[in-house]
N, C-alpha and C. Protein backbone atom coordinates (compact mmCIF):
# COMPACT_ATOMS: atom_id res chain seq x y z
N MET A 1 -69.18 -172.88 189.19
CA MET A 1 -69.84 -172.77 190.70
C MET A 1 -70.87 -173.92 190.84
N SER A 2 -70.85 -174.59 191.74
CA SER A 2 -71.68 -176.00 191.99
C SER A 2 -73.37 -175.74 192.18
N LYS A 3 -74.23 -176.61 191.45
CA LYS A 3 -75.67 -175.97 191.71
C LYS A 3 -75.87 -175.88 193.36
N LYS A 4 -75.13 -176.55 194.11
CA LYS A 4 -75.62 -176.68 195.30
C LYS A 4 -75.14 -175.02 195.96
N VAL A 5 -74.19 -174.24 195.58
CA VAL A 5 -73.80 -172.86 196.29
C VAL A 5 -74.37 -172.24 195.13
N LEU A 6 -74.79 -172.36 194.32
CA LEU A 6 -75.50 -171.46 193.20
C LEU A 6 -77.26 -171.27 193.66
N ARG A 7 -77.82 -172.57 194.43
CA ARG A 7 -79.15 -172.66 195.08
C ARG A 7 -78.90 -171.62 196.35
N LYS A 8 -77.30 -171.87 196.94
CA LYS A 8 -77.97 -171.37 198.46
C LYS A 8 -77.64 -169.55 198.08
N VAL A 9 -76.84 -169.26 197.17
CA VAL A 9 -77.14 -168.01 196.27
C VAL A 9 -78.18 -167.16 196.12
N ARG A 10 -78.74 -168.14 195.38
CA ARG A 10 -80.24 -167.46 195.20
C ARG A 10 -81.15 -167.54 196.25
N TYR A 11 -81.09 -168.48 196.74
CA TYR A 11 -82.17 -168.57 197.90
C TYR A 11 -82.13 -166.88 199.30
N SER A 12 -80.35 -166.91 199.45
CA SER A 12 -79.79 -165.85 200.17
C SER A 12 -80.37 -164.41 199.50
N VAL A 13 -80.43 -164.41 198.29
CA VAL A 13 -80.73 -162.96 197.53
C VAL A 13 -82.85 -162.60 198.00
N LEU A 14 -83.48 -164.35 197.40
CA LEU A 14 -85.26 -164.18 197.95
C LEU A 14 -84.70 -163.91 199.67
N LEU A 15 -84.51 -164.24 200.49
CA LEU A 15 -84.54 -163.92 201.20
C LEU A 15 -84.30 -162.41 202.02
N LEU A 16 -82.95 -162.15 201.34
CA LEU A 16 -83.05 -160.17 201.67
C LEU A 16 -83.94 -159.92 200.84
N ASN A 17 -84.46 -159.93 200.09
CA ASN A 17 -85.41 -159.08 198.89
C ASN A 17 -86.64 -159.06 199.80
N ALA A 18 -87.44 -160.44 200.33
CA ALA A 18 -88.39 -160.26 200.81
C ALA A 18 -88.67 -160.46 203.01
N GLY A 19 -87.66 -160.95 203.28
CA GLY A 19 -87.80 -160.43 204.53
C GLY A 19 -87.02 -159.25 205.05
N GLY A 20 -86.24 -158.76 204.20
CA GLY A 20 -85.56 -157.57 204.44
C GLY A 20 -83.83 -157.69 205.48
N PRO A 21 -83.34 -156.94 204.91
CA PRO A 21 -82.14 -156.78 205.50
C PRO A 21 -81.88 -157.23 207.25
N LYS A 22 -83.02 -156.85 207.97
CA LYS A 22 -82.99 -157.43 209.92
C LYS A 22 -83.19 -158.68 209.80
N VAL A 23 -84.15 -159.13 208.86
CA VAL A 23 -84.50 -160.73 209.09
C VAL A 23 -83.37 -161.42 208.45
N PHE A 24 -82.83 -160.80 207.32
CA PHE A 24 -81.36 -161.65 206.49
C PHE A 24 -80.48 -162.00 207.59
N PHE A 25 -80.05 -160.91 208.25
CA PHE A 25 -78.48 -161.00 209.18
C PHE A 25 -78.86 -161.43 210.12
N ARG A 26 -80.02 -161.80 210.84
CA ARG A 26 -80.08 -162.02 212.10
C ARG A 26 -80.10 -163.57 211.67
N HIS A 27 -80.57 -164.50 210.61
CA HIS A 27 -80.28 -165.60 209.98
C HIS A 27 -78.74 -165.89 209.68
N LEU A 28 -78.25 -165.15 209.28
CA LEU A 28 -76.90 -165.30 208.80
C LEU A 28 -76.28 -165.68 209.44
N GLY A 29 -76.40 -164.63 210.93
CA GLY A 29 -75.62 -164.86 212.30
C GLY A 29 -75.97 -166.48 212.90
N ARG A 30 -76.95 -166.66 212.64
CA ARG A 30 -77.80 -168.17 213.10
C ARG A 30 -76.52 -168.85 212.56
N GLN A 31 -75.98 -169.03 211.68
CA GLN A 31 -75.49 -170.13 210.27
C GLN A 31 -74.38 -169.95 211.09
N ILE A 32 -73.57 -168.50 211.15
CA ILE A 32 -71.96 -168.46 211.51
C ILE A 32 -71.95 -169.20 213.27
N TYR A 33 -73.16 -169.05 213.95
CA TYR A 33 -72.90 -169.48 215.12
C TYR A 33 -74.38 -169.37 215.58
N SER A 34 -74.69 -170.47 216.38
CA SER A 34 -75.85 -170.53 217.69
C SER A 34 -76.12 -171.72 218.13
N ARG A 35 -76.83 -171.96 218.84
CA ARG A 35 -77.57 -173.53 219.55
C ARG A 35 -78.67 -173.18 219.86
N GLU A 36 -79.28 -174.26 219.66
CA GLU A 36 -80.88 -174.21 219.68
C GLU A 36 -81.05 -175.65 220.27
N THR A 37 -82.41 -175.77 221.22
CA THR A 37 -82.77 -177.19 221.46
C THR A 37 -84.12 -177.66 221.00
N TYR A 38 -84.10 -179.00 220.38
CA TYR A 38 -85.20 -179.61 220.06
C TYR A 38 -85.61 -180.63 220.67
N PHE A 39 -87.22 -180.79 221.24
CA PHE A 39 -87.76 -181.99 221.61
C PHE A 39 -88.38 -182.62 220.49
N GLY A 40 -87.85 -184.19 220.49
CA GLY A 40 -87.82 -185.15 219.85
C GLY A 40 -89.44 -185.85 220.18
N LEU A 41 -90.01 -185.52 219.43
CA LEU A 41 -91.83 -186.54 219.72
C LEU A 41 -91.88 -187.82 218.93
N GLN A 42 -92.54 -188.60 219.67
CA GLN A 42 -93.22 -190.23 218.56
C GLN A 42 -94.49 -190.40 218.30
N LYS A 43 -94.58 -191.27 217.55
CA LYS A 43 -95.67 -191.54 217.91
C LYS A 43 -95.41 -193.10 216.69
N ALA A 44 -96.01 -194.16 217.84
CA ALA A 44 -96.58 -195.54 217.22
C ALA A 44 -97.13 -195.97 216.39
N LEU A 45 -97.15 -196.30 215.04
CA LEU A 45 -98.08 -196.46 214.15
C LEU A 45 -98.90 -198.23 213.89
N ASP A 46 -99.13 -198.58 215.14
CA ASP A 46 -99.23 -200.30 215.15
C ASP A 46 -100.74 -200.09 214.90
N PHE A 47 -101.61 -198.87 214.79
CA PHE A 47 -103.16 -198.78 214.87
C PHE A 47 -103.69 -197.86 214.08
N ASN A 48 -104.78 -197.58 213.45
CA ASN A 48 -105.31 -197.03 212.68
C ASN A 48 -105.26 -195.96 213.24
N CYS A 49 -104.72 -194.68 212.19
CA CYS A 49 -104.67 -193.55 213.27
C CYS A 49 -106.45 -192.51 212.88
N VAL A 50 -106.55 -192.27 214.05
CA VAL A 50 -107.54 -191.57 213.86
C VAL A 50 -107.67 -190.38 213.29
N GLU A 51 -108.91 -189.62 212.41
CA GLU A 51 -108.42 -188.81 211.39
C GLU A 51 -109.16 -187.52 212.40
N VAL A 52 -108.66 -186.32 212.77
CA VAL A 52 -108.54 -185.19 212.93
C VAL A 52 -109.13 -184.19 212.60
N PRO A 53 -110.25 -183.80 212.94
CA PRO A 53 -111.31 -182.81 211.86
C PRO A 53 -110.61 -181.63 211.71
N SER A 54 -110.69 -181.10 210.61
CA SER A 54 -109.73 -179.67 210.40
C SER A 54 -111.22 -178.39 210.66
N ARG A 55 -111.47 -177.31 210.81
CA ARG A 55 -112.24 -176.25 210.69
C ARG A 55 -112.48 -175.57 209.18
N LEU A 56 -111.32 -176.17 208.64
CA LEU A 56 -111.50 -175.91 207.35
C LEU A 56 -111.30 -176.84 206.36
N GLU A 57 -111.70 -176.72 205.19
CA GLU A 57 -112.30 -177.91 204.23
C GLU A 57 -111.10 -177.76 203.20
N TYR A 58 -110.23 -178.82 203.21
CA TYR A 58 -109.14 -178.61 202.28
C TYR A 58 -108.98 -180.28 201.37
N THR A 59 -108.10 -179.89 200.17
CA THR A 59 -107.59 -181.04 199.36
C THR A 59 -106.25 -181.46 199.94
N LEU A 60 -105.87 -182.87 200.03
CA LEU A 60 -104.45 -183.10 200.09
C LEU A 60 -103.78 -183.66 198.62
N ARG A 61 -102.74 -182.94 198.33
CA ARG A 61 -102.15 -184.15 197.50
C ARG A 61 -100.70 -183.91 197.27
N PRO A 62 -99.79 -184.55 196.99
CA PRO A 62 -98.64 -184.83 196.41
C PRO A 62 -98.21 -183.35 195.88
N VAL A 63 -97.30 -182.83 196.31
CA VAL A 63 -96.37 -181.32 195.72
C VAL A 63 -95.79 -181.89 194.44
N SER A 64 -95.92 -180.53 193.40
CA SER A 64 -95.08 -180.44 192.11
C SER A 64 -94.61 -179.45 192.13
N GLN A 65 -93.72 -179.18 191.33
CA GLN A 65 -92.55 -178.12 190.77
C GLN A 65 -93.81 -177.21 190.92
N ASP A 66 -94.55 -176.58 190.48
CA ASP A 66 -95.20 -175.69 190.52
C ASP A 66 -96.00 -175.07 191.70
N ASP A 67 -96.63 -175.82 192.70
CA ASP A 67 -96.65 -175.22 193.90
C ASP A 67 -95.38 -174.65 194.65
N ILE A 68 -94.25 -175.59 194.43
CA ILE A 68 -92.92 -174.75 195.32
C ILE A 68 -92.70 -173.82 194.31
N LYS A 69 -92.79 -173.08 193.31
CA LYS A 69 -92.87 -171.69 192.84
C LYS A 69 -93.77 -171.01 193.37
N GLU A 70 -95.14 -171.68 193.00
CA GLU A 70 -96.33 -170.67 194.15
C GLU A 70 -95.72 -170.56 195.25
N VAL A 71 -95.66 -171.48 196.25
CA VAL A 71 -94.92 -171.30 197.73
C VAL A 71 -93.91 -169.95 197.36
N LEU A 72 -92.96 -169.86 196.29
CA LEU A 72 -92.23 -168.95 196.31
C LEU A 72 -92.84 -167.24 196.05
N SER A 73 -93.94 -167.30 195.18
CA SER A 73 -94.18 -166.61 194.90
C SER A 73 -95.17 -165.66 195.89
N VAL A 74 -95.79 -166.64 196.93
CA VAL A 74 -96.89 -165.60 197.94
C VAL A 74 -95.80 -165.34 199.10
N VAL A 75 -94.52 -165.73 199.31
CA VAL A 75 -93.66 -165.25 200.23
C VAL A 75 -94.00 -163.74 200.81
N ARG A 76 -94.02 -162.69 199.92
CA ARG A 76 -94.38 -161.63 200.46
C ARG A 76 -95.57 -161.21 201.18
N GLU A 77 -96.21 -162.36 200.77
CA GLU A 77 -97.79 -162.48 201.60
C GLU A 77 -98.07 -162.51 203.05
N GLU A 78 -96.85 -163.26 203.61
CA GLU A 78 -96.97 -163.52 204.90
C GLU A 78 -95.52 -161.95 205.69
N SER A 79 -95.38 -162.75 206.93
CA SER A 79 -94.58 -161.84 207.97
C SER A 79 -93.32 -161.89 207.29
N LYS A 80 -92.51 -160.93 207.57
CA LYS A 80 -90.96 -161.14 206.80
C LYS A 80 -90.02 -162.18 207.71
N GLU A 81 -90.33 -162.61 208.96
CA GLU A 81 -89.83 -164.02 209.54
C GLU A 81 -90.61 -165.17 209.30
N SER A 82 -91.94 -165.10 208.61
CA SER A 82 -92.22 -166.51 207.65
C SER A 82 -91.61 -166.23 206.37
N ALA A 83 -91.27 -165.31 205.71
CA ALA A 83 -90.86 -165.35 204.69
C ALA A 83 -89.64 -166.32 204.76
N HIS A 84 -88.56 -166.51 206.01
CA HIS A 84 -87.44 -167.07 205.89
C HIS A 84 -88.03 -168.72 206.15
N ASP A 85 -89.17 -169.03 206.81
CA ASP A 85 -89.69 -170.28 206.76
C ASP A 85 -89.76 -171.34 205.50
N LEU A 86 -90.68 -169.96 204.89
CA LEU A 86 -91.14 -170.43 203.06
C LEU A 86 -90.26 -170.79 202.31
N ILE A 87 -88.91 -169.81 202.25
CA ILE A 87 -87.88 -169.78 201.73
C ILE A 87 -87.13 -171.36 201.76
N GLN A 88 -87.19 -171.62 202.93
CA GLN A 88 -86.19 -172.74 203.64
C GLN A 88 -86.62 -173.84 202.99
N ARG A 89 -87.78 -174.20 203.28
CA ARG A 89 -88.89 -175.15 202.39
C ARG A 89 -88.87 -175.41 201.42
N ALA A 90 -88.94 -174.49 200.52
CA ALA A 90 -88.55 -174.82 198.86
C ALA A 90 -86.87 -174.81 198.62
N TRP A 91 -86.26 -174.05 199.26
CA TRP A 91 -84.97 -174.94 199.16
C TRP A 91 -84.39 -176.18 199.51
N PHE A 92 -85.20 -176.84 201.29
CA PHE A 92 -85.57 -178.31 201.47
C PHE A 92 -85.78 -178.84 200.15
N TYR A 93 -86.72 -178.61 199.64
CA TYR A 93 -87.54 -179.51 198.36
C TYR A 93 -86.36 -179.47 197.65
N GLU A 94 -86.09 -178.69 197.02
CA GLU A 94 -84.66 -178.66 195.76
C GLU A 94 -83.22 -179.33 196.35
N SER A 95 -83.19 -179.50 197.36
CA SER A 95 -82.18 -180.44 197.98
C SER A 95 -82.06 -181.69 197.75
N GLY A 96 -83.74 -182.14 197.19
CA GLY A 96 -83.70 -183.44 197.09
C GLY A 96 -84.69 -184.17 197.94
N PHE A 97 -85.39 -183.36 198.62
CA PHE A 97 -86.54 -184.31 199.28
C PHE A 97 -87.79 -183.65 198.63
N HIS A 98 -88.62 -184.66 198.13
CA HIS A 98 -89.73 -184.32 197.51
C HIS A 98 -91.05 -184.97 197.52
N ASN A 99 -91.08 -185.75 198.84
CA ASN A 99 -91.73 -186.47 199.24
C ASN A 99 -92.73 -185.72 199.93
N CYS A 100 -93.44 -184.47 199.71
CA CYS A 100 -93.83 -183.40 199.95
C CYS A 100 -95.50 -183.44 199.84
N TYR A 101 -96.22 -182.85 200.62
CA TYR A 101 -97.61 -182.93 200.41
C TYR A 101 -97.93 -181.14 200.52
N VAL A 102 -98.89 -180.94 199.76
CA VAL A 102 -99.56 -179.80 199.83
C VAL A 102 -101.13 -179.48 200.68
N ALA A 103 -101.50 -178.64 201.35
CA ALA A 103 -103.23 -178.66 201.75
C ALA A 103 -103.47 -177.64 200.55
N ARG A 104 -104.68 -177.78 200.00
CA ARG A 104 -105.28 -176.49 199.59
C ARG A 104 -106.90 -176.00 199.60
N THR A 105 -107.26 -175.03 200.40
CA THR A 105 -108.77 -174.95 200.52
C THR A 105 -109.57 -175.35 199.33
N THR A 106 -110.21 -176.41 199.80
CA THR A 106 -111.51 -176.69 198.46
C THR A 106 -112.63 -175.56 198.07
N ASP A 107 -113.13 -174.41 198.59
CA ASP A 107 -113.25 -173.39 197.73
C ASP A 107 -112.54 -172.31 197.29
N THR A 108 -111.27 -172.34 197.22
CA THR A 108 -110.14 -171.26 196.71
C THR A 108 -109.36 -171.62 195.92
N ASP A 109 -108.89 -173.06 196.43
CA ASP A 109 -107.70 -173.86 195.95
C ASP A 109 -106.26 -172.54 195.87
N GLN A 110 -106.61 -172.64 197.16
CA GLN A 110 -105.49 -171.58 198.19
C GLN A 110 -104.48 -172.39 198.77
N LEU A 111 -103.36 -172.14 198.46
CA LEU A 111 -102.52 -172.93 199.35
C LEU A 111 -102.63 -172.87 201.11
N CYS A 112 -102.64 -173.82 201.85
CA CYS A 112 -103.05 -173.20 203.06
C CYS A 112 -101.62 -174.04 204.22
N HIS A 113 -101.13 -175.12 203.60
CA HIS A 113 -100.41 -175.94 204.93
C HIS A 113 -99.28 -176.90 203.27
N ILE A 114 -98.16 -176.99 203.98
CA ILE A 114 -97.16 -178.12 203.28
C ILE A 114 -96.12 -178.90 204.10
N GLN A 115 -95.76 -179.75 204.16
CA GLN A 115 -95.15 -181.01 205.19
C GLN A 115 -94.80 -181.74 203.83
N TRP A 116 -93.68 -182.24 204.75
CA TRP A 116 -92.96 -183.56 203.94
C TRP A 116 -92.79 -184.50 204.93
N LEU A 117 -92.52 -186.01 204.38
CA LEU A 117 -92.13 -187.30 204.90
C LEU A 117 -91.25 -187.48 204.55
N VAL A 118 -90.08 -187.79 204.98
CA VAL A 118 -88.64 -188.16 205.18
C VAL A 118 -88.54 -189.61 205.64
N SER A 119 -88.05 -190.31 204.64
CA SER A 119 -87.70 -191.85 205.25
C SER A 119 -86.43 -192.13 204.62
N ALA A 120 -85.71 -193.35 205.37
CA ALA A 120 -84.18 -193.31 205.00
C ALA A 120 -83.57 -194.08 203.52
N GLU A 121 -85.20 -194.86 203.30
CA GLU A 121 -84.98 -195.24 201.97
C GLU A 121 -85.23 -194.18 200.81
N ALA A 122 -86.66 -193.50 201.22
CA ALA A 122 -87.07 -193.15 199.40
C ALA A 122 -85.91 -191.77 199.48
N ASP A 123 -85.20 -191.00 200.43
CA ASP A 123 -84.79 -189.90 200.73
C ASP A 123 -83.01 -189.97 200.69
N LYS A 124 -82.49 -191.51 200.55
CA LYS A 124 -81.02 -191.50 200.90
C LYS A 124 -80.65 -190.90 200.60
N GLU A 125 -80.25 -190.39 199.39
CA GLU A 125 -79.13 -189.42 198.93
C GLU A 125 -79.58 -187.75 199.48
N ALA A 126 -80.57 -187.78 199.30
CA ALA A 126 -80.73 -186.02 199.69
C ALA A 126 -80.20 -186.64 201.43
N ILE A 127 -80.37 -187.28 202.01
CA ILE A 127 -79.93 -187.36 203.72
C ILE A 127 -78.55 -187.54 203.81
N ARG A 128 -77.33 -187.84 202.61
CA ARG A 128 -76.66 -188.25 202.48
C ARG A 128 -75.60 -186.68 202.45
N ASN A 129 -76.53 -186.00 202.04
CA ASN A 129 -76.15 -184.60 201.65
C ASN A 129 -76.42 -184.02 202.97
N PHE A 130 -77.22 -183.94 203.06
CA PHE A 130 -77.55 -183.27 204.34
C PHE A 130 -76.69 -183.48 205.92
N GLY A 131 -76.11 -184.39 205.53
CA GLY A 131 -75.21 -184.63 207.10
C GLY A 131 -75.79 -185.22 207.92
N SER A 132 -75.60 -184.38 209.14
CA SER A 132 -76.08 -184.54 210.45
C SER A 132 -77.57 -183.68 210.80
N ARG A 133 -77.91 -182.98 210.03
CA ARG A 133 -78.89 -182.00 210.10
C ARG A 133 -80.10 -182.53 210.57
N LEU A 134 -79.97 -184.10 210.03
CA LEU A 134 -81.28 -185.03 210.13
C LEU A 134 -80.81 -185.64 211.23
N PRO A 135 -82.14 -186.75 211.80
CA PRO A 135 -82.19 -187.87 212.56
C PRO A 135 -81.79 -188.91 211.60
N THR A 136 -80.77 -189.97 212.13
CA THR A 136 -80.50 -191.22 211.85
C THR A 136 -81.76 -191.74 211.85
N LEU A 137 -82.48 -192.41 210.78
CA LEU A 137 -83.49 -192.75 210.76
C LEU A 137 -83.81 -194.31 210.89
N LYS A 138 -84.18 -195.40 211.34
CA LYS A 138 -84.49 -196.45 210.65
C LYS A 138 -85.55 -196.92 209.52
N ASP A 139 -85.38 -198.04 209.17
CA ASP A 139 -86.25 -198.30 208.07
C ASP A 139 -87.92 -198.24 208.11
N ASP A 140 -87.93 -198.48 209.19
CA ASP A 140 -89.35 -198.67 209.77
C ASP A 140 -90.26 -197.04 209.97
N GLU A 141 -89.08 -196.11 210.06
CA GLU A 141 -89.46 -195.03 211.07
C GLU A 141 -89.83 -194.05 209.73
N ILE A 142 -90.57 -192.84 210.09
CA ILE A 142 -91.09 -192.07 209.12
C ILE A 142 -90.81 -190.63 209.80
N LEU A 143 -90.04 -189.83 209.18
CA LEU A 143 -90.10 -188.08 210.00
C LEU A 143 -90.85 -187.43 209.27
N ILE A 144 -91.47 -186.47 210.39
CA ILE A 144 -92.81 -185.82 210.02
C ILE A 144 -91.50 -184.08 210.06
N GLU A 145 -91.71 -183.53 208.82
CA GLU A 145 -90.51 -182.41 208.72
C GLU A 145 -91.05 -181.51 208.00
N ASN A 146 -90.69 -180.25 208.61
CA ASN A 146 -91.07 -178.76 207.96
C ASN A 146 -92.54 -178.25 207.69
N MET A 147 -93.42 -178.72 208.80
CA MET A 147 -94.81 -178.47 208.54
C MET A 147 -94.77 -176.40 208.72
N TYR A 148 -95.59 -176.39 207.85
CA TYR A 148 -95.71 -174.94 208.23
C TYR A 148 -97.18 -174.77 207.46
N THR A 149 -97.92 -174.10 207.84
CA THR A 149 -99.36 -173.65 207.94
C THR A 149 -99.21 -171.85 207.42
N PHE A 150 -100.07 -171.43 206.30
CA PHE A 150 -99.89 -170.11 205.90
C PHE A 150 -100.70 -169.92 206.85
N GLU A 151 -99.67 -168.28 206.80
CA GLU A 151 -100.65 -167.36 208.61
C GLU A 151 -102.24 -167.03 208.38
N LYS A 152 -102.43 -166.93 207.36
CA LYS A 152 -103.96 -166.62 207.54
C LYS A 152 -104.99 -167.53 207.45
N TYR A 153 -104.28 -169.24 207.88
CA TYR A 153 -105.26 -169.89 207.84
C TYR A 153 -104.59 -170.73 209.09
N ARG A 154 -103.97 -170.25 209.88
CA ARG A 154 -103.68 -170.84 211.34
C ARG A 154 -105.23 -170.54 212.10
N GLY A 155 -104.73 -172.18 213.03
CA GLY A 155 -106.07 -172.00 213.95
C GLY A 155 -107.11 -172.79 213.66
N ASN A 156 -106.69 -173.24 212.36
CA ASN A 156 -108.16 -173.98 212.30
C ASN A 156 -108.10 -175.78 212.38
N TYR A 157 -106.67 -176.40 212.87
CA TYR A 157 -106.51 -177.82 213.09
C TYR A 157 -105.75 -177.70 211.66
N ILE A 158 -105.48 -177.49 210.84
CA ILE A 158 -105.23 -177.83 209.95
C ILE A 158 -103.89 -178.94 209.99
N MET A 159 -102.67 -178.77 210.67
CA MET A 159 -101.56 -179.19 210.73
C MET A 159 -101.92 -180.78 211.40
N SER A 160 -102.42 -180.48 212.55
CA SER A 160 -103.27 -182.07 213.07
C SER A 160 -103.90 -183.14 212.02
N SER A 161 -104.98 -182.11 211.64
CA SER A 161 -105.61 -183.23 210.51
C SER A 161 -104.77 -183.70 209.43
N LEU A 162 -104.12 -182.66 208.88
CA LEU A 162 -103.44 -183.41 207.85
C LEU A 162 -101.85 -184.39 208.76
N THR A 163 -101.44 -184.26 209.62
CA THR A 163 -100.62 -184.91 210.22
C THR A 163 -101.14 -186.80 210.30
N THR A 164 -102.60 -186.41 210.62
CA THR A 164 -102.80 -187.50 211.19
C THR A 164 -103.05 -188.12 209.61
N ARG A 165 -103.34 -187.79 208.86
CA ARG A 165 -103.49 -188.39 207.52
C ARG A 165 -102.33 -189.00 206.92
N LEU A 166 -101.22 -188.24 206.82
CA LEU A 166 -100.01 -188.91 206.86
C LEU A 166 -99.57 -189.87 207.13
N CYS A 167 -100.00 -189.53 208.97
CA CYS A 167 -99.16 -190.79 209.34
C CYS A 167 -99.89 -192.19 209.10
N GLU A 168 -101.56 -192.00 208.88
CA GLU A 168 -101.76 -193.38 208.33
C GLU A 168 -101.53 -193.69 207.14
N MET A 169 -101.26 -192.25 205.65
CA MET A 169 -100.51 -193.09 205.02
C MET A 169 -99.25 -193.85 205.12
N ALA A 170 -98.44 -193.28 205.97
CA ALA A 170 -97.23 -194.13 206.15
C ALA A 170 -97.40 -195.56 206.87
N ARG A 171 -98.44 -195.61 207.56
CA ARG A 171 -98.78 -196.78 208.35
C ARG A 171 -99.07 -198.28 207.55
N ASN A 172 -100.09 -197.46 206.14
CA ASN A 172 -100.06 -198.42 205.11
C ASN A 172 -99.24 -198.63 204.38
N LYS A 173 -97.85 -198.25 204.24
CA LYS A 173 -96.61 -198.16 203.53
C LYS A 173 -96.02 -199.34 204.43
N GLY A 174 -96.25 -199.48 205.41
CA GLY A 174 -95.53 -200.37 206.52
C GLY A 174 -94.72 -199.60 207.94
N PHE A 175 -94.87 -198.30 207.56
CA PHE A 175 -93.63 -197.99 208.73
C PHE A 175 -94.53 -198.06 209.99
N LYS A 176 -93.54 -198.15 211.34
CA LYS A 176 -94.08 -198.39 212.79
C LYS A 176 -94.16 -197.12 213.53
N ARG A 177 -92.95 -196.58 213.14
CA ARG A 177 -93.25 -194.96 213.98
C ARG A 177 -93.08 -194.03 213.22
N ALA A 178 -93.22 -192.73 213.86
CA ALA A 178 -93.32 -191.70 213.18
C ALA A 178 -92.78 -190.81 214.29
N LEU A 179 -91.94 -189.73 213.65
CA LEU A 179 -91.10 -189.29 214.39
C LEU A 179 -90.99 -187.65 213.89
N ALA A 180 -91.10 -186.51 214.97
CA ALA A 180 -90.83 -185.11 214.53
C ALA A 180 -89.88 -184.38 215.77
N TYR A 181 -89.41 -183.10 215.32
CA TYR A 181 -88.45 -182.71 216.01
C TYR A 181 -89.25 -180.82 215.96
N VAL A 182 -89.30 -180.44 217.07
CA VAL A 182 -90.18 -179.09 217.70
C VAL A 182 -89.26 -178.33 218.51
N ARG A 183 -88.61 -177.22 218.11
CA ARG A 183 -88.16 -176.01 219.09
C ARG A 183 -89.38 -176.19 220.54
N PRO A 184 -88.68 -175.54 221.04
CA PRO A 184 -89.96 -175.62 222.74
C PRO A 184 -90.63 -174.65 222.23
N ASP A 185 -90.36 -173.48 221.68
CA ASP A 185 -90.84 -172.30 221.80
C ASP A 185 -92.26 -172.62 220.60
N ASN A 186 -92.11 -173.57 219.91
CA ASN A 186 -93.29 -173.61 218.74
C ASN A 186 -94.23 -174.58 219.80
N THR A 187 -94.97 -173.80 220.52
CA THR A 187 -95.92 -174.04 221.48
C THR A 187 -96.98 -175.00 220.35
N ALA A 188 -97.21 -174.20 219.14
CA ALA A 188 -98.57 -174.61 218.58
C ALA A 188 -98.55 -176.03 218.10
N SER A 189 -97.25 -175.93 217.61
CA SER A 189 -96.55 -177.21 217.00
C SER A 189 -96.73 -178.40 218.01
N LEU A 190 -96.16 -177.89 218.86
CA LEU A 190 -96.48 -178.88 219.76
C LEU A 190 -97.01 -179.67 220.51
N LYS A 191 -98.56 -178.55 220.62
CA LYS A 191 -99.75 -178.78 221.21
C LYS A 191 -100.60 -179.68 220.06
N GLY A 192 -100.25 -179.47 218.92
CA GLY A 192 -101.00 -180.08 217.69
C GLY A 192 -100.14 -181.39 217.80
N LEU A 193 -98.90 -181.81 217.67
CA LEU A 193 -98.84 -183.22 217.81
C LEU A 193 -99.00 -184.08 219.17
N GLU A 194 -99.29 -183.15 219.92
CA GLU A 194 -99.31 -184.05 221.46
C GLU A 194 -100.85 -184.30 221.31
N SER A 195 -101.74 -183.53 220.92
CA SER A 195 -103.27 -183.92 220.53
C SER A 195 -103.38 -185.07 219.87
N ILE A 196 -102.29 -185.36 218.62
CA ILE A 196 -102.87 -186.48 217.87
C ILE A 196 -102.09 -187.85 218.67
N GLY A 197 -101.35 -187.57 219.29
CA GLY A 197 -100.78 -188.89 220.00
C GLY A 197 -99.49 -188.92 220.26
N PHE A 198 -98.61 -187.97 219.12
CA PHE A 198 -97.03 -187.93 219.89
C PHE A 198 -96.73 -187.52 221.32
N SER A 199 -95.70 -188.28 221.54
CA SER A 199 -95.08 -187.70 222.90
C SER A 199 -93.57 -187.57 222.59
N LYS A 200 -93.39 -186.75 223.71
CA LYS A 200 -91.68 -186.64 223.89
C LYS A 200 -90.93 -187.49 224.04
N PHE A 201 -89.77 -188.14 223.71
CA PHE A 201 -89.08 -188.99 224.19
C PHE A 201 -87.43 -188.60 224.37
N GLU A 202 -87.03 -187.19 223.74
CA GLU A 202 -85.77 -187.39 223.80
C GLU A 202 -85.66 -185.61 223.61
N GLU A 203 -84.45 -184.95 224.12
CA GLU A 203 -83.98 -183.55 223.81
C GLU A 203 -82.83 -183.54 223.14
N ILE A 204 -82.29 -182.70 222.04
CA ILE A 204 -81.38 -182.79 221.59
C ILE A 204 -81.23 -181.41 221.50
N SER A 205 -79.48 -181.00 221.53
CA SER A 205 -78.97 -179.63 220.74
C SER A 205 -78.65 -179.79 219.41
N GLU A 206 -78.66 -178.43 219.36
CA GLU A 206 -78.08 -178.24 217.84
C GLU A 206 -77.36 -177.22 217.64
N TYR A 207 -76.23 -177.31 217.22
CA TYR A 207 -75.07 -176.64 216.87
C TYR A 207 -74.92 -176.01 214.90
N LYS A 208 -74.68 -174.73 215.16
CA LYS A 208 -74.50 -174.04 214.11
C LYS A 208 -73.14 -173.41 214.10
N VAL A 209 -71.97 -173.62 213.26
CA VAL A 209 -71.05 -173.25 213.21
C VAL A 209 -70.33 -172.87 212.16
N LEU A 210 -70.22 -171.45 211.66
CA LEU A 210 -69.57 -171.52 210.54
C LEU A 210 -70.16 -172.47 209.18
N PHE A 211 -71.42 -172.70 209.53
CA PHE A 211 -72.39 -173.14 208.16
C PHE A 211 -72.05 -174.47 208.14
N SER A 212 -71.79 -175.09 209.76
CA SER A 212 -72.04 -176.41 209.33
C SER A 212 -72.98 -176.77 210.85
N THR A 213 -73.70 -177.78 210.38
CA THR A 213 -74.53 -177.94 211.99
C THR A 213 -74.25 -179.40 212.56
N GLN A 214 -74.38 -179.42 213.78
CA GLN A 214 -74.03 -180.78 214.44
C GLN A 214 -75.49 -180.85 215.25
N ARG A 215 -75.70 -182.15 215.54
CA ARG A 215 -76.75 -182.50 216.67
C ARG A 215 -76.18 -183.32 217.89
N GLN A 216 -76.43 -183.45 218.72
CA GLN A 216 -76.70 -184.16 219.76
C GLN A 216 -77.53 -184.35 220.99
N GLN A 217 -77.47 -185.39 221.14
CA GLN A 217 -78.66 -185.83 222.41
C GLN A 217 -78.19 -184.90 223.96
N LYS A 218 -79.04 -184.50 224.25
CA LYS A 218 -78.65 -183.60 225.83
C LYS A 218 -78.49 -185.05 227.03
């Protein structure tokens, strides 16, 4: 059995144990057939990104394997639906997307946010294995992906603050445009991104049929 299949089995068991049968079978059903809409948002990185203050003091650093292990260890502390979101992010990391950053509270060093930057060059092999589940990126574009603020720290503007810092890091590396794709019902992420200069530029449909994913522009 391939490593990819074994990884899917392991994370499926984790989801069943942490999220329970209801969450597990709901997400299994979505893999068999579902259709969702995403808004594409963009931000030009031509100028310095003005840092957005957070209500919570945090430190930012690249993720480590130990951080991912900790993410999985605290899954049960989140709601059952959020258990799926965290497990999916650990799976994303193990799928080869390692340009990830974690924020930890300054006083207690607890995980409060996790987020990825995806680029065409750095993530070439991982993107190839992912097929059409991610947009095609130009060499000067960076994708903001899989943002997640741990539940007890939400409402502190961590996502907006951290995304601005990551956009500035990307700008300093020569990237010209930042992209993000968000579901219309994720109003917190939409408002947060728009507050730091992202604007909608497209709407896409994502179809899942028998564990295969396709995206197309509306």
